[in-house]
C-alpha atoms as a PDB file:
ATOM      1  CA  UNK A   1     164.930-249.500  71.600  1.00  0.00           C
ATOM      2  CA  UNK A   2     162.383-247.786  69.540  1.00  0.00           C
ATOM      3  CA  UNK A   3     161.232-249.419  66.715  1.00  0.00           C
ATOM      4  CA  UNK A   4     163.269-247.733  64.239  1.00  0.00           C
ATOM      5  CA  UNK A   5     166.401-248.669  66.397  1.00  0.00           C
ATOM      6  CA  UNK A   6     165.321-252.267  66.089  1.00  0.00           C
ATOM      7  CA  UNK A   7     164.622-251.925  62.138  1.00  0.00           C
ATOM      8  CA  UNK A   8     166.604-254.344  60.164  1.00  0.00           C
ATOM      9  CA  UNK A   9     169.035-253.416  57.824  1.00  0.00           C
ATOM     10  CA  UNK A  10     168.997-254.323  53.819  1.00  0.00           C
ATOM     11  CA  UNK A  11     165.593-255.920  54.245  1.00  0.00           C
ATOM     12  CA  UNK A  12     164.196-258.125  51.187  1.00  0.00           C
ATOM     13  CA  UNK A  13     160.777-256.253  50.516  1.00  0.00           C
ATOM     14  CA  UNK A  14     160.445-258.434  47.375  1.00  0.00           C
ATOM     15  CA  UNK A  15     158.223-261.901  48.953  1.00  0.00           C
ATOM     16  CA  UNK A  16     160.903-263.343  49.932  1.00  0.00           C
ATOM     17  CA  UNK A  17     163.019-264.155  46.300  1.00  0.00           C
ATOM     18  CA  UNK A  18     165.948-263.443  48.014  1.00  0.00           C
ATOM     19  CA  UNK A  19     166.259-265.994  51.067  1.00  0.00           C
ATOM     20  CA  UNK A  20     168.070-268.837  51.038  1.00  0.00           C
ATOM     21  CA  UNK A  21     165.920-272.268  52.218  1.00  0.00           C
ATOM     22  CA  UNK A  22     167.736-272.171  55.442  1.00  0.00           C
ATOM     23  CA  UNK A  23     167.049-268.474  56.274  1.00  0.00           C
ATOM     24  CA  UNK A  24     163.379-269.230  55.558  1.00  0.00           C
ATOM     25  CA  UNK A  25     163.166-272.020  57.662  1.00  0.00           C
ATOM     26  CA  UNK A  26     165.512-270.085  60.655  1.00  0.00           C
ATOM     27  CA  UNK A  27     162.998-267.313  59.401  1.00  0.00           C
ATOM     28  CA  UNK A  28     159.800-269.417  60.200  1.00  0.00           C
ATOM     29  CA  UNK A  29     160.882-270.693  63.665  1.00  0.00           C
ATOM     30  CA  UNK A  30     162.477-267.319  64.600  1.00  0.00           C
ATOM     31  CA  UNK A  31     159.388-265.555  63.729  1.00  0.00           C
ATOM     32  CA  UNK A  32     156.678-267.358  65.662  1.00  0.00           C
ATOM     33  CA  UNK A  33     159.268-267.310  68.828  1.00  0.00           C
ATOM     34  CA  UNK A  34     159.464-263.485  68.112  1.00  0.00           C
ATOM     35  CA  UNK A  35     155.965-262.653  67.964  1.00  0.00           C
ATOM     36  CA  UNK A  36     155.331-265.057  70.848  1.00  0.00           C
ATOM     37  CA  UNK A  37     157.251-263.104  73.073  1.00  0.00           C
ATOM     38  CA  UNK A  38     156.060-259.935  72.015  1.00  0.00           C
ATOM     39  CA  UNK A  39     152.709-261.376  72.779  1.00  0.00           C
ATOM     40  CA  UNK A  40     153.205-262.254  76.502  1.00  0.00           C
ATOM     41  CA  UNK A  41     153.072-259.306  78.180  1.00  0.00           C
ATOM     42  CA  UNK A  42     149.708-258.545  76.191  1.00  0.00           C
ATOM     43  CA  UNK A  43     148.370-261.340  75.973  1.00  0.00           C
ATOM     44  CA  UNK A  44     144.923-261.801  77.451  1.00  0.00           C
ATOM     45  CA  UNK A  45     144.463-258.131  78.125  1.00  0.00           C
ATOM     46  CA  UNK A  46     142.043-255.574  76.030  1.00  0.00           C
ATOM     47  CA  UNK A  47     143.062-253.603  73.237  1.00  0.00           C
ATOM     48  CA  UNK A  48     142.016-250.782  75.498  1.00  0.00           C
ATOM     49  CA  UNK A  49     144.335-251.583  78.123  1.00  0.00           C
ATOM     50  CA  UNK A  50     147.512-252.228  75.630  1.00  0.00           C
ATOM     51  CA  UNK A  51     146.925-249.072  74.335  1.00  0.00           C
ATOM     52  CA  UNK A  52     146.874-247.210  77.365  1.00  0.00           C
ATOM     53  CA  UNK A  53     150.290-248.983  78.779  1.00  0.00           C
ATOM     54  CA  UNK A  54     152.214-249.257  75.852  1.00  0.00           C
ATOM     55  CA  UNK A  55     150.838-247.026  73.112  1.00  0.00           C
ATOM     56  CA  UNK A  56     148.994-248.087  69.468  1.00  0.00           C
ATOM     57  CA  UNK A  57     151.832-250.500  69.166  1.00  0.00           C
ATOM     58  CA  UNK A  58     154.646-252.138  70.620  1.00  0.00           C
ATOM     59  CA  UNK A  59     157.723-250.755  70.582  1.00  0.00           C
ATOM     60  CA  UNK A  60     159.868-254.471  71.028  1.00  0.00           C
ATOM     61  CA  UNK A  61     159.677-256.826  73.953  1.00  0.00           C
ATOM     62  CA  UNK A  62     158.793-255.948  77.422  1.00  0.00           C
ATOM     63  CA  UNK A  63     158.265-258.066  80.614  1.00  0.00           C
ATOM     64  CA  UNK A  64     155.449-259.542  82.062  1.00  0.00           C
ATOM     65  CA  UNK A  65     153.625-257.096  84.509  1.00  0.00           C
ATOM     66  CA  UNK A  66     153.067-257.987  87.869  1.00  0.00           C
ATOM     67  CA  UNK A  67     149.392-258.085  86.884  1.00  0.00           C
ATOM     68  CA  UNK A  68     149.516-259.846  83.941  1.00  0.00           C
ATOM     69  CA  UNK A  69     146.495-262.944  84.286  1.00  0.00           C
ATOM     70  CA  UNK A  70     149.100-265.522  82.763  1.00  0.00           C
ATOM     71  CA  UNK A  71     152.618-264.444  82.285  1.00  0.00           C
ATOM     72  CA  UNK A  72     153.147-262.493  85.428  1.00  0.00           C
ATOM     73  CA  UNK A  73     156.790-261.163  86.145  1.00  0.00           C
ATOM     74  CA  UNK A  74     158.503-263.250  83.340  1.00  0.00           C
ATOM     75  CA  UNK A  75     161.422-261.350  81.934  1.00  0.00           C
ATOM     76  CA  UNK A  76     161.233-259.478  78.578  1.00  0.00           C
ATOM     77  CA  UNK A  77     161.518-261.620  75.573  1.00  0.00           C
ATOM     78  CA  UNK A  78     160.088-264.678  76.940  1.00  0.00           C
ATOM     79  CA  UNK A  79     158.142-267.066  75.036  1.00  0.00           C
ATOM     80  CA  UNK A  80     154.754-269.131  76.132  1.00  0.00           C
ATOM     81  CA  UNK A  81     153.385-272.245  75.327  1.00  0.00           C
ATOM     82  CA  UNK A  82     152.928-271.440  71.635  1.00  0.00           C
ATOM     83  CA  UNK A  83     156.526-271.733  71.262  1.00  0.00           C
ATOM     84  CA  UNK A  84     157.196-274.426  73.520  1.00  0.00           C
ATOM     85  CA  UNK A  85     154.555-276.495  71.849  1.00  0.00           C
ATOM     86  CA  UNK A  86     155.986-275.643  68.113  1.00  0.00           C
ATOM     87  CA  UNK A  87     159.174-276.937  68.714  1.00  0.00           C
ATOM     88  CA  UNK A  88     157.849-280.449  70.381  1.00  0.00           C
ATOM     89  CA  UNK A  89     156.054-280.986  67.293  1.00  0.00           C
ATOM     90  CA  UNK A  90     159.103-279.932  65.277  1.00  0.00           C
ATOM     91  CA  UNK A  91     161.354-282.480  67.497  1.00  0.00           C
ATOM     92  CA  UNK A  92     158.706-284.923  67.000  1.00  0.00           C
ATOM     93  CA  UNK A  93     158.710-284.578  63.168  1.00  0.00           C
ATOM     94  CA  UNK A  94     162.299-284.982  63.334  1.00  0.00           C
ATOM     95  CA  UNK A  95     162.857-287.781  65.461  1.00  0.00           C
ATOM     96  CA  UNK A  96     159.672-289.860  63.415  1.00  0.00           C
ATOM     97  CA  UNK A  97     161.037-289.077  59.659  1.00  0.00           C
ATOM     98  CA  UNK A  98     158.445-286.691  59.084  1.00  0.00           C
ATOM     99  CA  UNK A  99     155.711-288.131  60.755  1.00  0.00           C
ATOM    100  CA  UNK A 100     154.046-287.537  64.525  1.00  0.00           C
ATOM    101  CA  UNK A 101     152.357-290.627  65.829  1.00  0.00           C
ATOM    102  CA  UNK A 102     149.256-289.422  67.530  1.00  0.00           C
ATOM    103  CA  UNK A 103     149.646-291.331  71.277  1.00  0.00           C
ATOM    104  CA  UNK A 104     153.090-289.854  71.364  1.00  0.00           C
ATOM    105  CA  UNK A 105     152.285-286.322  70.610  1.00  0.00           C
ATOM    106  CA  UNK A 106     149.431-286.608  73.212  1.00  0.00           C
ATOM    107  CA  UNK A 107     152.234-288.128  75.801  1.00  0.00           C
ATOM    108  CA  UNK A 108     154.459-285.084  75.320  1.00  0.00           C
ATOM    109  CA  UNK A 109     152.179-282.610  75.603  1.00  0.00           C
ATOM    110  CA  UNK A 110     151.094-284.215  79.059  1.00  0.00           C
ATOM    111  CA  UNK A 111     154.552-284.548  79.876  1.00  0.00           C
ATOM    112  CA  UNK A 112     154.766-280.817  78.858  1.00  0.00           C
ATOM    113  CA  UNK A 113     152.174-279.491  80.976  1.00  0.00           C
ATOM    114  CA  UNK A 114     153.710-281.384  84.147  1.00  0.00           C
ATOM    115  CA  UNK A 115     157.004-279.311  83.726  1.00  0.00           C
ATOM    116  CA  UNK A 116     155.259-276.469  83.433  1.00  0.00           C
ATOM    117  CA  UNK A 117     153.080-276.667  86.463  1.00  0.00           C
ATOM    118  CA  UNK A 118     156.123-277.651  88.388  1.00  0.00           C
ATOM    119  CA  UNK A 119     157.939-274.222  87.599  1.00  0.00           C
ATOM    120  CA  UNK A 120     155.201-272.587  88.877  1.00  0.00           C
ATOM    121  CA  UNK A 121     153.620-271.277  85.177  1.00  0.00           C
ATOM    122  CA  UNK A 122     150.210-270.723  84.561  1.00  0.00           C
ATOM    123  CA  UNK A 123     150.509-271.059  80.421  1.00  0.00           C
ATOM    124  CA  UNK A 124     149.452-274.733  80.646  1.00  0.00           C
ATOM    125  CA  UNK A 125     147.378-277.030  77.799  1.00  0.00           C
ATOM    126  CA  UNK A 126     144.267-274.728  76.380  1.00  0.00           C
ATOM    127  CA  UNK A 127     141.106-275.897  76.790  1.00  0.00           C
ATOM    128  CA  UNK A 128     140.722-278.448  73.624  1.00  0.00           C
ATOM    129  CA  UNK A 129     144.122-279.825  73.994  1.00  0.00           C
ATOM    130  CA  UNK A 130     143.680-280.038  77.824  1.00  0.00           C
ATOM    131  CA  UNK A 131     140.179-281.654  77.581  1.00  0.00           C
ATOM    132  CA  UNK A 132     141.989-284.315  74.834  1.00  0.00           C
ATOM    133  CA  UNK A 133     144.743-285.380  76.209  1.00  0.00           C
ATOM    134  CA  UNK A 134     142.516-285.950  79.721  1.00  0.00           C
ATOM    135  CA  UNK A 135     139.985-288.446  77.563  1.00  0.00           C
ATOM    136  CA  UNK A 136     143.123-290.091  75.829  1.00  0.00           C
ATOM    137  CA  UNK A 137     144.299-290.789  79.536  1.00  0.00           C
ATOM    138  CA  UNK A 138     140.872-292.184  80.233  1.00  0.00           C
ATOM    139  CA  UNK A 139     141.454-294.610  76.973  1.00  0.00           C
ATOM    140  CA  UNK A 140     139.529-292.791  74.518  1.00  0.00           C
ATOM    141  CA  UNK A 141     141.068-293.714  71.107  1.00  0.00           C
ATOM    142  CA  UNK A 142     143.643-290.965  70.289  1.00  0.00           C
ATOM    143  CA  UNK A 143     141.241-290.551  66.913  1.00  0.00           C
ATOM    144  CA  UNK A 144     138.362-289.619  68.904  1.00  0.00           C
ATOM    145  CA  UNK A 145     139.846-287.888  71.536  1.00  0.00           C
ATOM    146  CA  UNK A 146     140.118-284.228  69.464  1.00  0.00           C
ATOM    147  CA  UNK A 147     136.269-284.423  68.453  1.00  0.00           C
ATOM    148  CA  UNK A 148     135.249-281.062  70.036  1.00  0.00           C
ATOM    149  CA  UNK A 149     138.456-279.355  69.985  1.00  0.00           C
ATOM    150  CA  UNK A 150     138.075-276.233  68.136  1.00  0.00           C
ATOM    151  CA  UNK A 151     140.490-273.498  69.402  1.00  0.00           C
ATOM    152  CA  UNK A 152     143.757-272.718  67.901  1.00  0.00           C
ATOM    153  CA  UNK A 153     146.054-274.948  69.699  1.00  0.00           C
ATOM    154  CA  UNK A 154     146.658-277.042  66.340  1.00  0.00           C
ATOM    155  CA  UNK A 155     147.106-274.103  64.025  1.00  0.00           C
ATOM    156  CA  UNK A 156     149.793-272.349  66.918  1.00  0.00           C
ATOM    157  CA  UNK A 157     151.968-275.373  67.030  1.00  0.00           C
ATOM    158  CA  UNK A 158     152.017-276.304  63.356  1.00  0.00           C
ATOM    159  CA  UNK A 159     154.478-274.536  61.568  1.00  0.00           C
ATOM    160  CA  UNK A 160     157.151-276.700  61.511  1.00  0.00           C
ATOM    161  CA  UNK A 161     154.649-279.129  59.736  1.00  0.00           C
ATOM    162  CA  UNK A 162     155.194-276.124  57.075  1.00  0.00           C
ATOM    163  CA  UNK A 163     158.709-275.928  57.350  1.00  0.00           C
ATOM    164  CA  UNK A 164     159.188-279.830  56.820  1.00  0.00           C
ATOM    165  CA  UNK A 165     156.566-280.460  54.056  1.00  0.00           C
ATOM    166  CA  UNK A 166     156.513-279.039  50.669  1.00  0.00           C
ATOM    167  CA  UNK A 167     152.933-277.547  49.578  1.00  0.00           C
ATOM    168  CA  UNK A 168     153.003-278.495  46.244  1.00  0.00           C
ATOM    169  CA  UNK A 169     150.602-281.299  47.005  1.00  0.00           C
ATOM    170  CA  UNK A 170     148.178-279.941  49.670  1.00  0.00           C
ATOM    171  CA  UNK A 171     146.280-283.330  50.521  1.00  0.00           C
ATOM    172  CA  UNK A 172     149.574-284.172  51.318  1.00  0.00           C
ATOM    173  CA  UNK A 173     150.539-281.345  53.311  1.00  0.00           C
ATOM    174  CA  UNK A 174     147.352-281.822  55.312  1.00  0.00           C
ATOM    175  CA  UNK A 175     147.721-285.224  56.029  1.00  0.00           C
ATOM    176  CA  UNK A 176     150.498-284.595  58.156  1.00  0.00           C
ATOM    177  CA  UNK A 177     149.052-281.557  59.486  1.00  0.00           C
ATOM    178  CA  UNK A 178     145.749-283.871  60.524  1.00  0.00           C
ATOM    179  CA  UNK A 179     148.814-286.047  62.158  1.00  0.00           C
ATOM    180  CA  UNK A 180     149.888-283.501  64.223  1.00  0.00           C
ATOM    181  CA  UNK A 181     146.455-282.153  65.196  1.00  0.00           C
ATOM    182  CA  UNK A 182     143.986-284.409  65.097  1.00  0.00           C
ATOM    183  CA  UNK A 183     144.848-286.062  68.886  1.00  0.00           C
ATOM    184  CA  UNK A 184     143.419-282.853  70.256  1.00  0.00           C
ATOM    185  CA  UNK A 185     141.676-280.741  67.268  1.00  0.00           C
ATOM    186  CA  UNK A 186     140.071-283.445  65.514  1.00  0.00           C
ATOM    187  CA  UNK A 187     137.588-280.744  63.878  1.00  0.00           C
ATOM    188  CA  UNK A 188     136.972-279.394  60.675  1.00  0.00           C
ATOM    189  CA  UNK A 189     136.860-275.946  61.576  1.00  0.00           C
ATOM    190  CA  UNK A 190     140.440-276.528  63.593  1.00  0.00           C
ATOM    191  CA  UNK A 191     141.993-278.508  60.597  1.00  0.00           C
ATOM    192  CA  UNK A 192     141.315-275.980  58.517  1.00  0.00           C
ATOM    193  CA  UNK A 193     142.818-273.353  60.557  1.00  0.00           C
ATOM    194  CA  UNK A 194     145.851-275.439  61.531  1.00  0.00           C
ATOM    195  CA  UNK A 195     145.922-276.310  57.235  1.00  0.00           C
ATOM    196  CA  UNK A 196     146.168-272.673  56.552  1.00  0.00           C
ATOM    197  CA  UNK A 197     148.798-271.708  58.888  1.00  0.00           C
ATOM    198  CA  UNK A 198     150.996-274.846  57.615  1.00  0.00           C
ATOM    199  CA  UNK A 199     150.054-273.966  54.032  1.00  0.00           C
ATOM    200  CA  UNK A 200     151.462-270.658  54.245  1.00  0.00           C
ATOM    201  CA  UNK A 201     154.553-271.661  55.930  1.00  0.00           C
ATOM    202  CA  UNK A 202     155.157-274.091  52.990  1.00  0.00           C
ATOM    203  CA  UNK A 203     154.384-271.472  50.537  1.00  0.00           C
ATOM    204  CA  UNK A 204     156.918-269.015  51.890  1.00  0.00           C
ATOM    205  CA  UNK A 205     159.521-271.539  52.351  1.00  0.00           C
ATOM    206  CA  UNK A 206     159.368-272.113  48.312  1.00  0.00           C
ATOM    207  CA  UNK A 207     159.511-268.642  47.605  1.00  0.00           C
ATOM    208  CA  UNK A 208     155.972-267.129  47.595  1.00  0.00           C
ATOM    209  CA  UNK A 209     155.094-263.691  48.396  1.00  0.00           C
ATOM    210  CA  UNK A 210     152.705-262.736  51.049  1.00  0.00           C
ATOM    211  CA  UNK A 211     150.047-263.015  48.604  1.00  0.00           C
ATOM    212  CA  UNK A 212     150.635-265.893  47.000  1.00  0.00           C
ATOM    213  CA  UNK A 213     151.291-267.397  50.522  1.00  0.00           C
ATOM    214  CA  UNK A 214     147.697-266.349  51.366  1.00  0.00           C
ATOM    215  CA  UNK A 215     145.978-267.633  48.858  1.00  0.00           C
ATOM    216  CA  UNK A 216     147.536-271.292  49.686  1.00  0.00           C
ATOM    217  CA  UNK A 217     146.365-270.765  52.974  1.00  0.00           C
ATOM    218  CA  UNK A 218     143.018-270.287  51.655  1.00  0.00           C
ATOM    219  CA  UNK A 219     143.105-273.336  49.536  1.00  0.00           C
ATOM    220  CA  UNK A 220     144.371-275.564  52.091  1.00  0.00           C
ATOM    221  CA  UNK A 221     141.844-274.500  54.925  1.00  0.00           C
ATOM    222  CA  UNK A 222     139.194-275.195  52.055  1.00  0.00           C
ATOM    223  CA  UNK A 223     140.527-279.014  51.649  1.00  0.00           C
ATOM    224  CA  UNK A 224     141.519-278.918  55.552  1.00  0.00           C
ATOM    225  CA  UNK A 225     137.613-278.255  56.725  1.00  0.00           C
ATOM    226  CA  UNK A 226     136.484-281.756  55.239  1.00  0.00           C
ATOM    227  CA  UNK A 227     138.758-283.494  57.050  1.00  0.00           C
ATOM    228  CA  UNK A 228     137.824-284.719  60.619  1.00  0.00           C
ATOM    229  CA  UNK A 229     134.228-284.250  62.634  1.00  0.00           C
ATOM    230  CA  UNK A 230     131.755-281.617  61.839  1.00  0.00           C
ATOM    231  CA  UNK A 231     131.240-278.967  64.267  1.00  0.00           C
ATOM    232  CA  UNK A 232     129.352-275.408  63.870  1.00  0.00           C
ATOM    233  CA  UNK A 233     132.052-272.809  63.181  1.00  0.00           C
ATOM    234  CA  UNK A 234     132.486-270.441  60.214  1.00  0.00           C
ATOM    235  CA  UNK A 235     134.090-270.952  57.628  1.00  0.00           C
ATOM    236  CA  UNK A 236     138.573-270.592  58.196  1.00  0.00           C
ATOM    237  CA  UNK A 237     138.762-269.574  54.532  1.00  0.00           C
ATOM    238  CA  UNK A 238     136.094-267.463  54.138  1.00  0.00           C
ATOM    239  CA  UNK A 239     137.192-265.373  57.107  1.00  0.00           C
ATOM    240  CA  UNK A 240     140.631-265.380  55.604  1.00  0.00           C
ATOM    241  CA  UNK A 241     139.222-263.565  52.709  1.00  0.00           C
ATOM    242  CA  UNK A 242     136.974-261.602  54.408  1.00  0.00           C
ATOM    243  CA  UNK A 243     139.650-260.274  56.926  1.00  0.00           C
ATOM    244  CA  UNK A 244     142.415-259.556  54.740  1.00  0.00           C
ATOM    245  CA  UNK A 245     139.271-257.522  52.386  1.00  0.00           C
ATOM    246  CA  UNK A 246     138.668-255.864  55.538  1.00  0.00           C
ATOM    247  CA  UNK A 247     141.606-253.849  56.124  1.00  0.00           C
ATOM    248  CA  UNK A 248     142.611-253.351  53.222  1.00  0.00           C
ATOM    249  CA  UNK A 249     143.917-249.360  52.584  1.00  0.00           C
ATOM    250  CA  UNK A 250     143.794-248.810  56.196  1.00  0.00           C
ATOM    251  CA  UNK A 251     146.062-247.340  58.784  1.00  0.00           C
ATOM    252  CA  UNK A 252     148.039-249.694  60.981  1.00  0.00           C
ATOM    253  CA  UNK A 253     146.137-247.791  64.147  1.00  0.00           C
ATOM    254  CA  UNK A 254     142.642-248.259  61.754  1.00  0.00           C
ATOM    255  CA  UNK A 255     143.166-252.140  61.083  1.00  0.00           C
ATOM    256  CA  UNK A 256     144.240-252.900  64.460  1.00  0.00           C
ATOM    257  CA  UNK A 257     140.621-251.947  65.334  1.00  0.00           C
ATOM    258  CA  UNK A 258     139.066-253.263  62.914  1.00  0.00           C
ATOM    259  CA  UNK A 259     140.316-256.621  63.199  1.00  0.00           C
ATOM    260  CA  UNK A 260     139.979-256.462  67.426  1.00  0.00           C
ATOM    261  CA  UNK A 261     136.336-255.204  67.254  1.00  0.00           C
ATOM    262  CA  UNK A 262     135.432-256.878  64.069  1.00  0.00           C
ATOM    263  CA  UNK A 263     137.241-260.158  63.162  1.00  0.00           C
ATOM    264  CA  UNK A 264     137.797-261.291  66.864  1.00  0.00           C
ATOM    265  CA  UNK A 265     140.773-261.840  68.890  1.00  0.00           C
ATOM    266  CA  UNK A 266     139.889-264.738  70.793  1.00  0.00           C
ATOM    267  CA  UNK A 267     141.292-268.125  71.093  1.00  0.00           C
ATOM    268  CA  UNK A 268     138.325-269.521  68.506  1.00  0.00           C
ATOM    269  CA  UNK A 269     140.257-270.374  65.099  1.00  0.00           C
ATOM    270  CA  UNK A 270     137.714-268.654  63.531  1.00  0.00           C
ATOM    271  CA  UNK A 271     138.777-265.609  65.000  1.00  0.00           C
ATOM    272  CA  UNK A 272     142.750-265.598  65.725  1.00  0.00           C
ATOM    273  CA  UNK A 273     144.203-267.564  62.141  1.00  0.00           C
ATOM    274  CA  UNK A 274     141.673-264.568  60.243  1.00  0.00           C
ATOM    275  CA  UNK A 275     143.417-261.825  62.626  1.00  0.00           C
ATOM    276  CA  UNK A 276     146.585-263.271  61.705  1.00  0.00           C
ATOM    277  CA  UNK A 277     146.631-263.120  58.034  1.00  0.00           C
ATOM    278  CA  UNK A 278     144.486-259.909  58.219  1.00  0.00           C
ATOM    279  CA  UNK A 279     147.633-258.249  60.171  1.00  0.00           C
ATOM    280  CA  UNK A 280     149.804-259.847  57.619  1.00  0.00           C
ATOM    281  CA  UNK A 281     148.131-258.170  54.950  1.00  0.00           C
ATOM    282  CA  UNK A 282     149.128-255.102  56.393  1.00  0.00           C
ATOM    283  CA  UNK A 283     151.883-255.143  56.630  1.00  0.00           C
ATOM    284  CA  UNK A 284     152.874-257.482  53.637  1.00  0.00           C
ATOM    285  CA  UNK A 285     156.703-256.504  53.042  1.00  0.00           C
ATOM    286  CA  UNK A 286     157.672-256.047  56.436  1.00  0.00           C
ATOM    287  CA  UNK A 287     157.726-259.094  59.206  1.00  0.00           C
ATOM    288  CA  UNK A 288     159.032-257.232  62.222  1.00  0.00           C
ATOM    289  CA  UNK A 289     155.987-254.020  62.304  1.00  0.00           C
ATOM    290  CA  UNK A 290     153.590-257.408  61.056  1.00  0.00           C
ATOM    291  CA  UNK A 291     154.797-258.906  64.698  1.00  0.00           C
ATOM    292  CA  UNK A 292     154.360-255.367  66.717  1.00  0.00           C
ATOM    293  CA  UNK A 293     150.990-254.889  65.653  1.00  0.00           C
ATOM    294  CA  UNK A 294     149.767-258.382  66.250  1.00  0.00           C
ATOM    295  CA  UNK A 295     150.853-258.215  69.780  1.00  0.00           C
ATOM    296  CA  UNK A 296     148.923-255.363  70.207  1.00  0.00           C
ATOM    297  CA  UNK A 297     146.144-256.327  69.417  1.00  0.00           C
ATOM    298  CA  UNK A 298     144.695-258.137  72.645  1.00  0.00           C
ATOM    299  CA  UNK A 299     143.011-261.149  73.071  1.00  0.00           C
ATOM    300  CA  UNK A 300     145.277-264.280  72.163  1.00  0.00           C
ATOM    301  CA  UNK A 301     147.420-261.922  70.634  1.00  0.00           C
ATOM    302  CA  UNK A 302     150.920-263.961  71.606  1.00  0.00           C
ATOM    303  CA  UNK A 303     149.299-266.861  69.676  1.00  0.00           C
ATOM    304  CA  UNK A 304     147.903-264.459  66.775  1.00  0.00           C
ATOM    305  CA  UNK A 305     151.627-262.878  66.373  1.00  0.00           C
ATOM    306  CA  UNK A 306     153.807-266.291  66.491  1.00  0.00           C
ATOM    307  CA  UNK A 307     151.406-267.628  63.786  1.00  0.00           C
ATOM    308  CA  UNK A 308     152.118-264.367  61.811  1.00  0.00           C
ATOM    309  CA  UNK A 309     155.453-264.291  62.496  1.00  0.00           C
ATOM    310  CA  UNK A 310     156.113-267.624  61.539  1.00  0.00           C
ATOM    311  CA  UNK A 311     154.458-267.257  58.327  1.00  0.00           C
ATOM    312  CA  UNK A 312     156.078-263.679  57.709  1.00  0.00           C
ATOM    313  CA  UNK A 313     159.505-265.069  58.627  1.00  0.00           C
ATOM    314  CA  UNK A 314     158.797-268.012  55.756  1.00  0.00           C
ATOM    315  CA  UNK A 315     158.249-265.915  53.191  1.00  0.00           C
ATOM    316  CA  UNK A 316     161.296-263.315  53.847  1.00  0.00           C
ATOM    317  CA  UNK A 317     163.392-265.316  55.671  1.00  0.00           C
ATOM    318  CA  UNK A 318     165.010-264.487  59.262  1.00  0.00           C
ATOM    319  CA  UNK A 319     166.955-261.230  57.939  1.00  0.00           C
ATOM    320  CA  UNK A 320     164.020-259.641  57.495  1.00  0.00           C
ATOM    321  CA  UNK A 321     164.017-259.392  61.558  1.00  0.00           C
ATOM    322  CA  UNK A 322     166.062-257.854  63.554  1.00  0.00           C
ATOM    323  CA  UNK A 323     169.329-259.486  64.727  1.00  0.00           C
ATOM    324  CA  UNK A 324     168.561-258.440  68.006  1.00  0.00           C
ATOM    325  CA  UNK A 325     165.332-260.071  68.781  1.00  0.00           C
ATOM    326  CA  UNK A 326     166.288-262.943  67.211  1.00  0.00           C
ATOM    327  CA  UNK A 327     169.140-263.059  69.407  1.00  0.00           C
ATOM    328  CA  UNK A 328     166.752-262.008  72.465  1.00  0.00           C
ATOM    329  CA  UNK A 329     164.305-264.675  72.050  1.00  0.00           C
ATOM    330  CA  UNK A 330     166.852-267.355  71.455  1.00  0.00           C
ATOM    331  CA  UNK A 331     169.152-266.189  74.752  1.00  0.00           C
ATOM    332  CA  UNK A 332     166.187-265.771  77.331  1.00  0.00           C
ATOM    333  CA  UNK A 333     164.699-268.493  76.421  1.00  0.00           C
ATOM    334  CA  UNK A 334     167.669-271.305  75.507  1.00  0.00           C
ATOM    335  CA  UNK A 335     166.323-272.209  72.211  1.00  0.00           C
ATOM    336  CA  UNK A 336     168.236-273.854  69.545  1.00  0.00           C
ATOM    337  CA  UNK A 337     166.129-272.934  66.689  1.00  0.00           C
ATOM    338  CA  UNK A 338     168.832-272.921  63.836  1.00  0.00           C
ATOM    339  CA  UNK A 339     169.448-277.044  64.463  1.00  0.00           C
ATOM    340  CA  UNK A 340     165.663-277.660  64.395  1.00  0.00           C
ATOM    341  CA  UNK A 341     165.413-274.972  61.508  1.00  0.00           C
ATOM    342  CA  UNK A 342     167.953-277.295  59.578  1.00  0.00           C
ATOM    343  CA  UNK A 343     166.768-280.580  60.701  1.00  0.00           C
ATOM    344  CA  UNK A 344     163.456-279.722  59.280  1.00  0.00           C
ATOM    345  CA  UNK A 345     164.574-278.357  56.225  1.00  0.00           C
ATOM    346  CA  UNK A 346     166.441-282.124  55.696  1.00  0.00           C
ATOM    347  CA  UNK A 347     163.032-283.310  55.714  1.00  0.00           C
ATOM    348  CA  UNK A 348     161.800-281.059  53.009  1.00  0.00           C
ATOM    349  CA  UNK A 349     164.335-281.982  50.707  1.00  0.00           C
ATOM    350  CA  UNK A 350     164.109-285.255  49.030  1.00  0.00           C
ATOM    351  CA  UNK A 351     166.971-287.538  48.763  1.00  0.00           C
ATOM    352  CA  UNK A 352     168.836-285.657  52.031  1.00  0.00           C
ATOM    353  CA  UNK A 353     168.820-287.562  55.563  1.00  0.00           C
ATOM    354  CA  UNK A 354     167.978-286.458  58.382  1.00  0.00           C
ATOM    355  CA  UNK A 355     170.718-285.071  60.872  1.00  0.00           C
ATOM    356  CA  UNK A 356     171.337-287.324  63.557  1.00  0.00           C
ATOM    357  CA  UNK A 357     172.241-284.454  66.145  1.00  0.00           C
ATOM    358  CA  UNK A 358     169.433-284.027  68.966  1.00  0.00           C
ATOM    359  CA  UNK A 359     167.616-281.346  69.198  1.00  0.00           C
END
C-alpha cells in the first residue's frame, strides 16, 4: 500500500481544534505505537542503508528483515520496547490514581525485561534503565539509582503522563514526569527531555496546535532541566528550538539529511528528542507523514517516530492517522489502546472516577 493510498480522509489540518478529548487521547497512544512499529525494521540502521532498502521515506509498515540487528524477522506492524514500556507506565498511572511509585516501576520494568528475554526478544531495557534497575536490585535507594541516566528511555515512555496530566500547571506536570522517570533517568538532561514530550502531548490534549505544543515543550524542558542530578549535556530546550529552526523551509528529504547529520538520531536525549520535534516542524499538520519521515531517519528512529507520533496524535486526534495503520498496530500486537486512553482521560478530567476495568 502506498503513502497516498493510506492517507486518511477528512483529516483536520487546523491544529487539532476539531478533535475530541477522547480522540486526542487515542491519537497519542496509537500515534506512539504507529511510529514505533514503522521504525521497528529501520531502528539501528544508518540513513544510507534505509534509503537503499526502502527509499527516501518509508511507504508503510515493513517486516523486520533477517539482518535487522534488534528486531529480526518480526512481522510488519510489530511494536518495540517504546510502546510496551509506555503502556506499562500508563497502567501504573491508572492503578496509582495518577501517581507512580518509583520502586514499583523498577520492579515492573525488571519483570517486563525478563518476559521479553524469555520470548527470545533482543529489544530489552536501554542502557540507563538497565543500569538503574540493577542498582535498585543491589539495594541502591530509588532516588539515587537513576543519577547517571541521560538517554531517551524516560522520554520514550512518558506520553501517558501527558495524556493524564494537564499542562496548565507545568511544575505539577513535571512532578509527575519525575515520578515516572527518576528511578532510571534522574538527571536534568533526561528529565528535561521527558518533560518536553509530556508537555507537548498534554498541550495537544488541551487543543494546542503544533507550534503552541512545541512552545510548551520548550518551557517544560527548561523547568525539567532544574530537576534531578546535574550531568554534562546540551540544553534540551535550546536544542529543540535550534532543531526546529534548522529544518524550516527545507524539503522533507533535505530535512531528514540535516536532522541525521546535525541534530543526531542516537539514544542520547540531546539528539533524539530534538530530532522528533524537528520532524514535527517539517510536517506540523500531517501526523502520518511525520512518523513515516521519522522512521526513515536512521539510528534510534523507532523511538523518534514514537515520540513524534504521540505528540502529533495528541494535537490532531486519532482521525489524522489512516484507519488501516491504527488497526494494524492494534491487531498485530493485541493492544487495547482505546481502553487505556479512556482511563488516562478519566485521570485528566477532575471529578470523574477512574474506570475500574483492567487494562
